[in-house]
Amino acid sequence: MRTTTAPRHSPPLRRSAAAVLPGQPARAQQGFLLLEVLITIVLVGIGLLGLAGLQARTAVMEMEAYQRTQALILAQDMAERIAANKADAAHYVGDGYGAGGTAACGGAGGYAYDLCTWGNALRGATEKSGTVNVGTLQGGRGCIAAKAAGRYQVIVAWQGRVPTVAPAVRCGADDPGAEPYRRAVVVPVHLANLRGA
């Protein structure tokens, strides 16, 4: 007895469900992938523009933080010099330290040497690029004010990169056009009276 088997046929090719939406002819779907790619490119472009803006803002804030750190270091340095030289503390009082050109401090002594080296540090003379001072603040100025007996304020002012509200202290306010960019830090100095007066 012979048995016959039915010839095997491969199943008919079918389009995937993703290629054709139900109820839509195949021709209406031909440009859909291109539209998806264009939308993706636009969204990625917007994201990259946002990232570039964030990077630029980060660079500005990094410079602002660097300058504030330098100002605090310079103000604290002078506060320590005043505290170490209590007898001549009143001689440190003054405005506009750091203005003008670099000064030679070799022959100075005591408070005069302290003020000369501090003024040079405010000018950026500690680091040079060729003949240009680059070691500190942009437009750095220093002021020392006497507030009461044994109480002083060391103020360091500089020019920031973005406008903001100007500080209440007047140190470094000699350029009215740059007032919205002016920054300042204040370090108080309290000299103890150990004589028991």
Protein backbone atom coordinates (compact mmCIF):
# COMPACT_ATOMS: atom_id res chain seq x y z
CA MET A 1 0.00 0.00 0.00
CA ARG A 2 1.36 3.32 -1.11
CA THR A 3 0.76 6.41 0.78
CA THR A 4 0.94 9.70 -0.86
CA THR A 5 1.84 12.79 0.96
CA ALA A 6 0.69 16.18 0.01
CA PRO A 7 3.42 18.39 -1.37
CA ARG A 8 4.76 20.85 1.10
CA HIS A 9 4.36 24.47 0.25
CA SER A 10 6.08 27.30 2.02
CA PRO A 11 3.70 29.68 3.71
CA PRO A 12 2.95 32.86 1.81
CA LEU A 13 5.17 35.84 2.64
CA ARG A 14 3.50 38.30 4.92
CA ARG A 15 4.40 41.87 5.68
CA SER A 16 5.33 42.61 9.25
CA ALA A 17 2.79 44.35 11.41
CA ALA A 18 5.17 47.28 11.89
CA ALA A 19 5.48 47.90 8.17
CA VAL A 20 1.80 48.44 7.55
CA LEU A 21 -0.69 49.87 9.94
CA PRO A 22 -4.11 48.26 9.91
CA GLY A 23 -6.40 49.91 7.43
CA GLN A 24 -3.53 51.83 5.74
CA PRO A 25 -2.18 50.98 2.31
CA ALA A 26 1.57 50.30 2.04
CA ARG A 27 2.20 53.49 0.01
CA ALA A 28 1.09 55.75 2.91
CA GLN A 29 3.81 54.25 5.15
CA GLN A 30 6.79 54.84 2.87
CA GLY A 31 7.78 58.30 4.27
CA PHE A 32 7.07 57.52 7.91
CA LEU A 33 10.61 56.28 8.71
CA LEU A 34 12.16 59.40 7.16
CA LEU A 35 9.91 61.60 9.29
CA GLU A 36 10.99 59.72 12.43
CA VAL A 37 14.67 60.23 11.56
CA LEU A 38 14.17 63.96 10.96
CA ILE A 39 12.37 64.41 14.30
CA THR A 40 15.16 62.51 16.06
CA ILE A 41 17.81 64.73 14.47
CA VAL A 42 15.95 67.88 15.56
CA LEU A 43 15.62 66.62 19.16
CA VAL A 44 19.29 65.62 19.35
CA GLY A 45 20.28 69.04 17.94
CA ILE A 46 18.23 70.84 20.61
CA GLY A 47 19.84 68.69 23.28
CA LEU A 48 23.33 69.46 22.01
CA LEU A 49 22.62 73.20 21.93
CA GLY A 50 21.47 73.00 25.53
CA LEU A 51 24.62 71.12 26.47
CA ALA A 52 26.82 73.73 24.77
CA GLY A 53 25.04 76.52 26.67
CA LEU A 54 25.51 74.66 29.93
CA GLN A 55 29.22 74.20 29.21
CA ALA A 56 29.66 77.93 28.52
CA ARG A 57 27.82 78.85 31.74
CA THR A 58 29.93 76.37 33.71
CA ALA A 59 33.15 77.96 32.42
CA VAL A 60 31.96 81.42 33.54
CA MET A 61 30.97 80.15 37.00
CA GLU A 62 34.29 78.34 37.34
CA MET A 63 36.13 81.62 36.70
CA GLU A 64 33.89 83.45 39.19
CA ALA A 65 34.66 80.81 41.86
CA TYR A 66 38.39 81.01 41.12
CA GLN A 67 38.42 84.80 41.50
CA ARG A 68 36.43 84.66 44.75
CA THR A 69 38.90 82.11 46.14
CA GLN A 70 41.85 84.31 45.16
CA ALA A 71 40.19 87.35 46.78
CA LEU A 72 39.63 85.46 50.03
CA ILE A 73 43.24 84.27 50.08
CA LEU A 74 44.53 87.83 49.54
CA ALA A 75 42.20 89.32 52.17
CA GLN A 76 43.11 86.66 54.73
CA ASP A 77 46.82 87.18 54.02
CA MET A 78 46.56 90.88 54.86
CA ALA A 79 44.38 90.21 57.91
CA GLU A 80 47.11 87.92 59.26
CA ARG A 81 49.79 90.55 58.55
CA ILE A 82 47.82 93.17 60.48
CA ALA A 83 47.28 90.77 63.39
CA ALA A 84 51.00 89.97 63.46
CA ASN A 85 51.93 93.68 63.53
CA LYS A 86 49.43 95.07 66.07
CA ALA A 87 51.58 98.03 67.05
CA ASP A 88 51.44 99.46 63.51
CA ALA A 89 47.88 98.35 62.65
CA ALA A 90 46.69 101.93 62.11
CA HIS A 91 49.33 102.40 59.36
CA TYR A 92 47.68 99.75 57.20
CA VAL A 93 44.47 101.77 56.73
CA GLY A 94 44.06 103.00 53.16
CA ASP A 95 42.28 102.63 49.81
CA GLY A 96 43.26 101.71 46.29
CA TYR A 97 45.92 99.12 47.00
CA GLY A 98 46.65 97.24 43.79
CA ALA A 99 46.09 100.24 41.50
CA GLY A 100 48.89 101.37 39.22
CA GLY A 101 52.02 99.50 38.22
CA THR A 102 54.10 96.94 40.08
CA ALA A 103 56.24 98.46 42.85
CA ALA A 104 59.72 97.48 44.04
CA CYS A 105 59.47 96.37 47.67
CA GLY A 106 63.12 95.51 48.40
CA GLY A 107 63.96 98.54 50.60
CA ALA A 108 60.69 98.63 52.53
CA GLY A 109 60.28 97.15 55.99
CA GLY A 110 57.49 96.41 58.47
CA TYR A 111 54.02 97.59 57.45
CA ALA A 112 55.40 99.36 54.33
CA TYR A 113 56.75 96.03 53.04
CA ASP A 114 53.45 94.29 53.83
CA LEU A 115 51.45 96.91 51.91
CA CYS A 116 53.88 96.89 48.97
CA THR A 117 53.85 93.09 48.54
CA TRP A 118 50.07 92.95 49.03
CA GLY A 119 49.59 95.64 46.37
CA ASN A 120 51.79 93.67 43.97
CA ALA A 121 49.83 90.48 44.71
CA LEU A 122 46.58 92.34 43.93
CA ARG A 123 48.14 93.44 40.61
CA GLY A 124 48.97 89.81 39.79
CA ALA A 125 52.73 90.26 39.90
CA THR A 126 53.22 86.77 41.39
CA GLU A 127 52.63 85.17 37.97
CA LYS A 128 53.44 86.53 34.52
CA SER A 129 52.76 85.60 30.91
CA GLY A 130 55.54 87.40 29.07
CA THR A 131 55.41 90.89 30.57
CA VAL A 132 51.72 90.78 31.55
CA ASN A 133 50.67 90.06 35.14
CA VAL A 134 48.18 87.17 35.14
CA GLY A 135 48.43 85.81 38.68
CA THR A 136 45.30 87.16 40.32
CA LEU A 137 42.02 89.01 40.03
CA GLN A 138 40.64 91.01 37.13
CA GLY A 139 40.74 94.66 38.26
CA GLY A 140 41.74 93.68 41.82
CA ARG A 141 41.77 96.42 44.46
CA GLY A 142 42.37 96.30 48.20
CA CYS A 143 41.15 98.54 50.98
CA ILE A 144 41.73 98.49 54.74
CA ALA A 145 39.30 100.37 56.97
CA ALA A 146 39.39 101.10 60.71
CA LYS A 147 35.96 100.47 62.24
CA ALA A 148 36.73 101.01 65.94
CA ALA A 149 39.64 100.63 68.36
CA GLY A 150 41.31 97.34 67.49
CA ARG A 151 38.75 96.53 64.76
CA TYR A 152 39.58 96.66 61.08
CA GLN A 153 38.17 95.42 57.80
CA VAL A 154 40.27 94.06 54.96
CA ILE A 155 38.35 94.38 51.69
CA VAL A 156 39.33 92.92 48.33
CA ALA A 157 37.29 93.98 45.28
CA TRP A 158 37.50 92.77 41.68
CA GLN A 159 35.55 92.69 38.41
CA GLY A 160 33.37 89.63 37.78
CA ARG A 161 32.25 88.17 34.45
CA VAL A 162 28.46 88.62 34.68
CA PRO A 163 26.47 91.57 36.04
CA THR A 164 24.94 91.35 39.49
CA VAL A 165 24.08 93.61 42.41
CA ALA A 166 27.12 95.66 43.45
CA PRO A 167 28.39 95.14 47.02
CA ALA A 168 27.62 97.65 49.76
CA VAL A 169 31.30 98.43 50.41
CA ARG A 170 32.79 101.15 48.21
CA CYS A 171 36.24 99.59 47.73
CA GLY A 172 37.09 99.40 44.02
CA ALA A 173 34.13 101.58 42.97
CA ASP A 174 36.34 104.00 40.99
CA ASP A 175 35.02 102.82 37.59
CA PRO A 176 31.27 103.62 37.41
CA GLY A 177 30.74 101.71 34.14
CA ALA A 178 31.89 98.47 35.74
CA GLU A 179 29.75 98.82 38.88
CA PRO A 180 27.33 95.95 38.07
CA TYR A 181 30.34 93.63 37.65
CA ARG A 182 32.11 94.63 40.89
CA ARG A 183 32.53 91.95 43.56
CA ALA A 184 34.02 92.25 47.05
CA VAL A 185 34.91 90.13 50.05
CA VAL A 186 35.35 91.54 53.55
CA VAL A 187 37.48 89.94 56.26
CA PRO A 188 37.14 91.46 59.75
CA VAL A 189 40.23 91.80 61.95
CA HIS A 190 39.78 92.01 65.73
CA LEU A 191 42.94 92.81 67.65
CA ALA A 192 42.78 91.72 71.27
CA ASN A 193 43.86 94.13 74.00
CA LEU A 194 46.05 91.93 76.19
CA ARG A 195 47.23 94.76 78.47
CA GLY A 196 44.13 94.47 80.65
CA ALA A 197 43.18 98.12 80.31
